[in-house]
Amino acid sequence: MRADAARNLNAVLHAGAQLLAEDQGTSMAAIAVAAGVDRTTVHRRFANREALLSAVFQAKLDSAEQVLDEARLTEAPFSVALHRFVEGIIPVSRVWPVDTRRMMQKDPVANARRMEQSARVDAFVQRAVDEGHLRADVDVAWARAVLDELVDSAAHRFPEMEAPQAADLVARTFLQGVGAA
């Protein structure tokens, strides 16, 4: 792909992610304007809004998968992996604010990827309990929900907070709020 075409595609995906997160009915023309490209550029690449949304979901899943891999959730010491994960996933959530749960009915392949990634984080939270970082009486599903909400709050309610600082705050809140100590 030519550099300008790749730049245009990236701009369309990012504009689409932002606008579709705010309003599912955003027109392709509005996305084109926000991306700074001609409407025909968007339509040439994506047949409709659902195709664009699917590409946005794939881009978010690709980014999240990279964060999960780089965090080394099963190999790194728990606190290191937690910080890496949170520091990496906050920017992903900010750049790709669309809710991937929306794709469950629309894109079974992408949903399978989402479920696999979610299972990796579930296993990581279970590891926290198994290793004594979280109290044994804390329900793992509850702890996971708390972690998700902390990440979401850091990403979207405090957008001015840099990812490393947000990761410090999320990790400390998560471990001290439901921590074993």
C-alpha atoms as a PDB file:
ATOM      1  CA  MET A   1       0.000   0.000   0.000  1.00  0.00           C
ATOM      2  CA  ARG A   2       1.287   3.432  -0.904  1.00  0.00           C
ATOM      3  CA  ALA A   3       2.238   5.706   1.980  1.00  0.00           C
ATOM      4  CA  ASP A   4      -0.530   8.222   1.231  1.00  0.00           C
ATOM      5  CA  ALA A   5      -3.129   5.453   0.955  1.00  0.00           C
ATOM      6  CA  ALA A   6      -1.973   3.996   4.275  1.00  0.00           C
ATOM      7  CA  ARG A   7      -2.145   7.459   5.857  1.00  0.00           C
ATOM      8  CA  ASN A   8      -5.672   7.968   4.501  1.00  0.00           C
ATOM      9  CA  LEU A   9      -6.790   4.548   5.723  1.00  0.00           C
ATOM     10  CA  ASN A  10      -5.358   5.263   9.161  1.00  0.00           C
ATOM     11  CA  ALA A  11      -7.114   8.649   9.277  1.00  0.00           C
ATOM     12  CA  VAL A  12     -10.442   7.081   8.247  1.00  0.00           C
ATOM     13  CA  LEU A  13     -10.144   4.307  10.839  1.00  0.00           C
ATOM     14  CA  HIS A  14      -9.295   6.728  13.641  1.00  0.00           C
ATOM     15  CA  ALA A  15     -12.012   9.207  12.669  1.00  0.00           C
ATOM     16  CA  GLY A  16     -14.471   6.349  12.314  1.00  0.00           C
ATOM     17  CA  ALA A  17     -13.562   4.995  15.745  1.00  0.00           C
ATOM     18  CA  GLN A  18     -14.068   8.378  17.415  1.00  0.00           C
ATOM     19  CA  LEU A  19     -17.287   9.311  15.638  1.00  0.00           C
ATOM     20  CA  LEU A  20     -18.924   5.866  15.719  1.00  0.00           C
ATOM     21  CA  ALA A  21     -18.176   5.580  19.428  1.00  0.00           C
ATOM     22  CA  GLU A  22     -20.153   8.789  19.946  1.00  0.00           C
ATOM     23  CA  ASP A  23     -22.957   8.005  17.469  1.00  0.00           C
ATOM     24  CA  GLN A  24     -23.477   4.648  15.754  1.00  0.00           C
ATOM     25  CA  GLY A  25     -25.426   6.415  13.022  1.00  0.00           C
ATOM     26  CA  THR A  26     -22.592   8.718  11.951  1.00  0.00           C
ATOM     27  CA  SER A  27     -22.565   8.995   8.171  1.00  0.00           C
ATOM     28  CA  MET A  28     -19.688   7.919   5.993  1.00  0.00           C
ATOM     29  CA  ALA A  29     -19.581  11.502   4.685  1.00  0.00           C
ATOM     30  CA  ALA A  30     -19.070  12.859   8.220  1.00  0.00           C
ATOM     31  CA  ILE A  31     -16.307  10.332   8.804  1.00  0.00           C
ATOM     32  CA  ALA A  32     -14.634  11.380   5.555  1.00  0.00           C
ATOM     33  CA  VAL A  33     -14.748  15.049   6.576  1.00  0.00           C
ATOM     34  CA  ALA A  34     -13.304  14.258  10.009  1.00  0.00           C
ATOM     35  CA  ALA A  35     -10.555  12.167   8.394  1.00  0.00           C
ATOM     36  CA  GLY A  36      -9.728  14.932   5.935  1.00  0.00           C
ATOM     37  CA  VAL A  37     -10.356  12.749   2.890  1.00  0.00           C
ATOM     38  CA  ASP A  38     -12.855  12.723   0.073  1.00  0.00           C
ATOM     39  CA  ARG A  39     -16.041  10.715   0.588  1.00  0.00           C
ATOM     40  CA  THR A  40     -15.202   8.531  -2.412  1.00  0.00           C
ATOM     41  CA  THR A  41     -11.959   7.533  -0.660  1.00  0.00           C
ATOM     42  CA  VAL A  42     -13.976   6.131   2.218  1.00  0.00           C
ATOM     43  CA  HIS A  43     -16.524   4.410  -0.037  1.00  0.00           C
ATOM     44  CA  ARG A  44     -13.819   2.913  -2.230  1.00  0.00           C
ATOM     45  CA  ARG A  45     -12.324   1.161   0.808  1.00  0.00           C
ATOM     46  CA  PHE A  46     -15.514   0.404   2.759  1.00  0.00           C
ATOM     47  CA  ALA A  47     -18.817  -0.616   1.198  1.00  0.00           C
ATOM     48  CA  ASN A  48     -20.809   0.698   4.157  1.00  0.00           C
ATOM     49  CA  ARG A  49     -20.629   1.852   7.766  1.00  0.00           C
ATOM     50  CA  GLU A  50     -20.714  -1.746   9.050  1.00  0.00           C
ATOM     51  CA  ALA A  51     -17.631  -2.629   6.977  1.00  0.00           C
ATOM     52  CA  LEU A  52     -15.824   0.400   8.374  1.00  0.00           C
ATOM     53  CA  LEU A  53     -16.913  -0.480  11.898  1.00  0.00           C
ATOM     54  CA  SER A  54     -15.635  -4.023  11.402  1.00  0.00           C
ATOM     55  CA  ALA A  55     -12.251  -2.638  10.289  1.00  0.00           C
ATOM     56  CA  VAL A  56     -12.184  -0.374  13.352  1.00  0.00           C
ATOM     57  CA  PHE A  57     -12.919  -3.373  15.577  1.00  0.00           C
ATOM     58  CA  GLN A  58     -10.113  -5.337  13.926  1.00  0.00           C
ATOM     59  CA  ALA A  59      -7.692  -2.454  14.436  1.00  0.00           C
ATOM     60  CA  LYS A  60      -8.661  -2.224  18.114  1.00  0.00           C
ATOM     61  CA  LEU A  61      -8.300  -5.985  18.530  1.00  0.00           C
ATOM     62  CA  ASP A  62      -4.878  -5.895  16.828  1.00  0.00           C
ATOM     63  CA  SER A  63      -3.749  -3.127  19.187  1.00  0.00           C
ATOM     64  CA  ALA A  64      -5.111  -4.904  22.263  1.00  0.00           C
ATOM     65  CA  GLU A  65      -3.471  -8.161  21.249  1.00  0.00           C
ATOM     66  CA  GLN A  66      -0.121  -6.420  20.948  1.00  0.00           C
ATOM     67  CA  VAL A  67      -0.568  -4.963  24.455  1.00  0.00           C
ATOM     68  CA  LEU A  68      -1.458  -8.385  25.875  1.00  0.00           C
ATOM     69  CA  ASP A  69       1.596  -9.958  24.243  1.00  0.00           C
ATOM     70  CA  GLU A  70       3.957  -7.202  25.373  1.00  0.00           C
ATOM     71  CA  ALA A  71       2.633  -7.223  28.945  1.00  0.00           C
ATOM     72  CA  ARG A  72       3.685 -10.892  29.267  1.00  0.00           C
ATOM     73  CA  LEU A  73       0.747 -11.654  31.526  1.00  0.00           C
ATOM     74  CA  THR A  74       1.848 -15.206  32.265  1.00  0.00           C
ATOM     75  CA  GLU A  75       5.629 -14.744  32.408  1.00  0.00           C
ATOM     76  CA  ALA A  76       6.398 -11.378  33.999  1.00  0.00           C
ATOM     77  CA  PRO A  77       6.087 -10.777  37.737  1.00  0.00           C
ATOM     78  CA  PHE A  78       2.447  -9.948  38.409  1.00  0.00           C
ATOM     79  CA  SER A  79       2.885  -6.282  39.361  1.00  0.00           C
ATOM     80  CA  VAL A  80       5.120  -5.662  36.336  1.00  0.00           C
ATOM     81  CA  ALA A  81       2.670  -7.357  33.984  1.00  0.00           C
ATOM     82  CA  LEU A  82      -0.251  -5.425  35.503  1.00  0.00           C
ATOM     83  CA  HIS A  83       1.483  -2.100  35.000  1.00  0.00           C
ATOM     84  CA  ARG A  84       2.525  -2.984  31.431  1.00  0.00           C
ATOM     85  CA  PHE A  85      -0.997  -4.095  30.592  1.00  0.00           C
ATOM     86  CA  VAL A  86      -2.693  -1.014  32.014  1.00  0.00           C
ATOM     87  CA  GLU A  87      -0.130   1.397  30.594  1.00  0.00           C
ATOM     88  CA  GLY A  88      -0.583  -0.160  27.162  1.00  0.00           C
ATOM     89  CA  ILE A  89      -4.344  -0.662  27.137  1.00  0.00           C
ATOM     90  CA  ILE A  90      -5.254   2.877  28.209  1.00  0.00           C
ATOM     91  CA  PRO A  91      -3.949   4.425  24.961  1.00  0.00           C
ATOM     92  CA  VAL A  92      -5.666   1.660  22.981  1.00  0.00           C
ATOM     93  CA  SER A  93      -8.932   2.512  24.687  1.00  0.00           C
ATOM     94  CA  ARG A  94      -8.425   6.201  23.980  1.00  0.00           C
ATOM     95  CA  VAL A  95      -7.507   5.754  20.325  1.00  0.00           C
ATOM     96  CA  TRP A  96     -10.159   3.094  19.651  1.00  0.00           C
ATOM     97  CA  PRO A  97     -13.061   4.100  21.954  1.00  0.00           C
ATOM     98  CA  VAL A  98     -15.641   1.866  20.268  1.00  0.00           C
ATOM     99  CA  ASP A  99     -17.165  -0.812  22.476  1.00  0.00           C
ATOM    100  CA  THR A 100     -16.082  -4.157  21.050  1.00  0.00           C
ATOM    101  CA  ARG A 101     -19.070  -5.863  22.683  1.00  0.00           C
ATOM    102  CA  ARG A 102     -21.135  -4.322  19.870  1.00  0.00           C
ATOM    103  CA  MET A 103     -19.570  -6.697  17.391  1.00  0.00           C
ATOM    104  CA  MET A 104     -20.871  -9.811  19.120  1.00  0.00           C
ATOM    105  CA  GLN A 105     -23.883 -10.114  16.806  1.00  0.00           C
ATOM    106  CA  LYS A 106     -22.291  -8.583  13.752  1.00  0.00           C
ATOM    107  CA  ASP A 107     -18.885 -10.211  13.395  1.00  0.00           C
ATOM    108  CA  PRO A 108     -18.478 -13.702  14.875  1.00  0.00           C
ATOM    109  CA  VAL A 109     -14.798 -13.956  13.891  1.00  0.00           C
ATOM    110  CA  ALA A 110     -13.908 -10.668  15.560  1.00  0.00           C
ATOM    111  CA  ASN A 111     -16.042 -11.611  18.544  1.00  0.00           C
ATOM    112  CA  ALA A 112     -14.092 -14.877  18.900  1.00  0.00           C
ATOM    113  CA  ARG A 113     -10.877 -12.838  19.001  1.00  0.00           C
ATOM    114  CA  ARG A 114     -12.388 -10.521  21.587  1.00  0.00           C
ATOM    115  CA  MET A 115     -13.448 -13.454  23.738  1.00  0.00           C
ATOM    116  CA  GLU A 116      -9.958 -15.008  23.505  1.00  0.00           C
ATOM    117  CA  GLN A 117      -8.374 -11.723  24.605  1.00  0.00           C
ATOM    118  CA  SER A 118     -10.872 -11.409  27.428  1.00  0.00           C
ATOM    119  CA  ALA A 119     -10.036 -14.958  28.547  1.00  0.00           C
ATOM    120  CA  ARG A 120      -6.363 -13.977  28.736  1.00  0.00           C
ATOM    121  CA  VAL A 121      -7.182 -11.100  31.086  1.00  0.00           C
ATOM    122  CA  ASP A 122      -9.492 -13.359  33.115  1.00  0.00           C
ATOM    123  CA  ALA A 123      -6.630 -15.838  33.533  1.00  0.00           C
ATOM    124  CA  PHE A 124      -4.343 -12.985  34.562  1.00  0.00           C
ATOM    125  CA  VAL A 125      -6.766 -11.884  37.278  1.00  0.00           C
ATOM    126  CA  GLN A 126      -7.067 -15.507  38.403  1.00  0.00           C
ATOM    127  CA  ARG A 127      -3.258 -15.568  38.586  1.00  0.00           C
ATOM    128  CA  ALA A 128      -3.433 -12.556  40.908  1.00  0.00           C
ATOM    129  CA  VAL A 129      -5.663 -14.513  43.272  1.00  0.00           C
ATOM    130  CA  ASP A 130      -3.590 -17.697  42.980  1.00  0.00           C
ATOM    131  CA  GLU A 131      -0.365 -15.846  43.795  1.00  0.00           C
ATOM    132  CA  GLY A 132      -1.899 -13.948  46.717  1.00  0.00           C
ATOM    133  CA  HIS A 133      -1.942 -10.473  45.131  1.00  0.00           C
ATOM    134  CA  LEU A 134      -5.712 -10.372  45.628  1.00  0.00           C
ATOM    135  CA  ARG A 135      -7.647 -11.735  48.567  1.00  0.00           C
ATOM    136  CA  ALA A 136      -8.753 -15.327  48.116  1.00  0.00           C
ATOM    137  CA  ASP A 137     -12.349 -14.399  49.012  1.00  0.00           C
ATOM    138  CA  VAL A 138     -12.630 -11.876  46.155  1.00  0.00           C
ATOM    139  CA  ASP A 139     -14.711 -13.201  43.278  1.00  0.00           C
ATOM    140  CA  VAL A 140     -12.499 -13.264  40.180  1.00  0.00           C
ATOM    141  CA  ALA A 141     -15.300 -11.978  37.945  1.00  0.00           C
ATOM    142  CA  TRP A 142     -15.814  -9.052  40.324  1.00  0.00           C
ATOM    143  CA  ALA A 143     -12.085  -8.281  40.404  1.00  0.00           C
ATOM    144  CA  ARG A 144     -12.001  -8.356  36.603  1.00  0.00           C
ATOM    145  CA  ALA A 145     -14.962  -5.985  36.409  1.00  0.00           C
ATOM    146  CA  VAL A 146     -13.229  -3.627  38.846  1.00  0.00           C
ATOM    147  CA  LEU A 147     -10.048  -3.684  36.756  1.00  0.00           C
ATOM    148  CA  ASP A 148     -12.016  -2.983  33.575  1.00  0.00           C
ATOM    149  CA  GLU A 149     -13.827  -0.051  35.200  1.00  0.00           C
ATOM    150  CA  LEU A 150     -10.595   1.404  36.575  1.00  0.00           C
ATOM    151  CA  VAL A 151      -8.976   1.220  33.136  1.00  0.00           C
ATOM    152  CA  ASP A 152     -12.048   2.695  31.459  1.00  0.00           C
ATOM    153  CA  SER A 153     -12.196   5.542  33.989  1.00  0.00           C
ATOM    154  CA  ALA A 154      -8.507   6.332  33.604  1.00  0.00           C
ATOM    155  CA  ALA A 155      -8.771   6.252  29.822  1.00  0.00           C
ATOM    156  CA  HIS A 156     -11.925   8.282  29.343  1.00  0.00           C
ATOM    157  CA  ARG A 157     -12.740  10.269  32.458  1.00  0.00           C
ATOM    158  CA  PHE A 158      -9.139  11.462  32.880  1.00  0.00           C
ATOM    159  CA  PRO A 159      -7.904  11.815  29.281  1.00  0.00           C
ATOM    160  CA  GLU A 160      -5.257  14.370  30.293  1.00  0.00           C
ATOM    161  CA  MET A 161      -3.533  11.834  32.547  1.00  0.00           C
ATOM    162  CA  GLU A 162      -0.505  10.273  30.881  1.00  0.00           C
ATOM    163  CA  ALA A 163      -0.644   6.479  30.520  1.00  0.00           C
ATOM    164  CA  PRO A 164       2.257   5.734  32.918  1.00  0.00           C
ATOM    165  CA  GLN A 165       0.730   7.892  35.646  1.00  0.00           C
ATOM    166  CA  ALA A 166      -2.700   6.369  35.015  1.00  0.00           C
ATOM    167  CA  ALA A 167      -1.201   2.874  35.176  1.00  0.00           C
ATOM    168  CA  ASP A 168       0.366   3.668  38.544  1.00  0.00           C
ATOM    169  CA  LEU A 169      -2.968   4.883  39.876  1.00  0.00           C
ATOM    170  CA  VAL A 170      -4.998   1.990  38.442  1.00  0.00           C
ATOM    171  CA  ALA A 171      -2.554  -0.670  39.673  1.00  0.00           C
ATOM    172  CA  ARG A 172      -2.357   0.842  43.146  1.00  0.00           C
ATOM    173  CA  THR A 173      -6.138   1.210  43.393  1.00  0.00           C
ATOM    174  CA  PHE A 174      -6.751  -2.300  42.076  1.00  0.00           C
ATOM    175  CA  LEU A 175      -4.250  -4.008  44.379  1.00  0.00           C
ATOM    176  CA  GLN A 176      -5.029  -1.979  47.475  1.00  0.00           C
ATOM    177  CA  GLY A 177      -8.764  -1.922  46.890  1.00  0.00           C
ATOM    178  CA  VAL A 178      -9.107  -5.696  46.512  1.00  0.00           C
ATOM    179  CA  GLY A 179      -5.544  -6.566  47.428  1.00  0.00           C
ATOM    180  CA  ALA A 180      -4.427  -9.152  49.929  1.00  0.00           C
ATOM    181  CA  ALA A 181      -2.570  -6.701  52.172  1.00  0.00           C
END
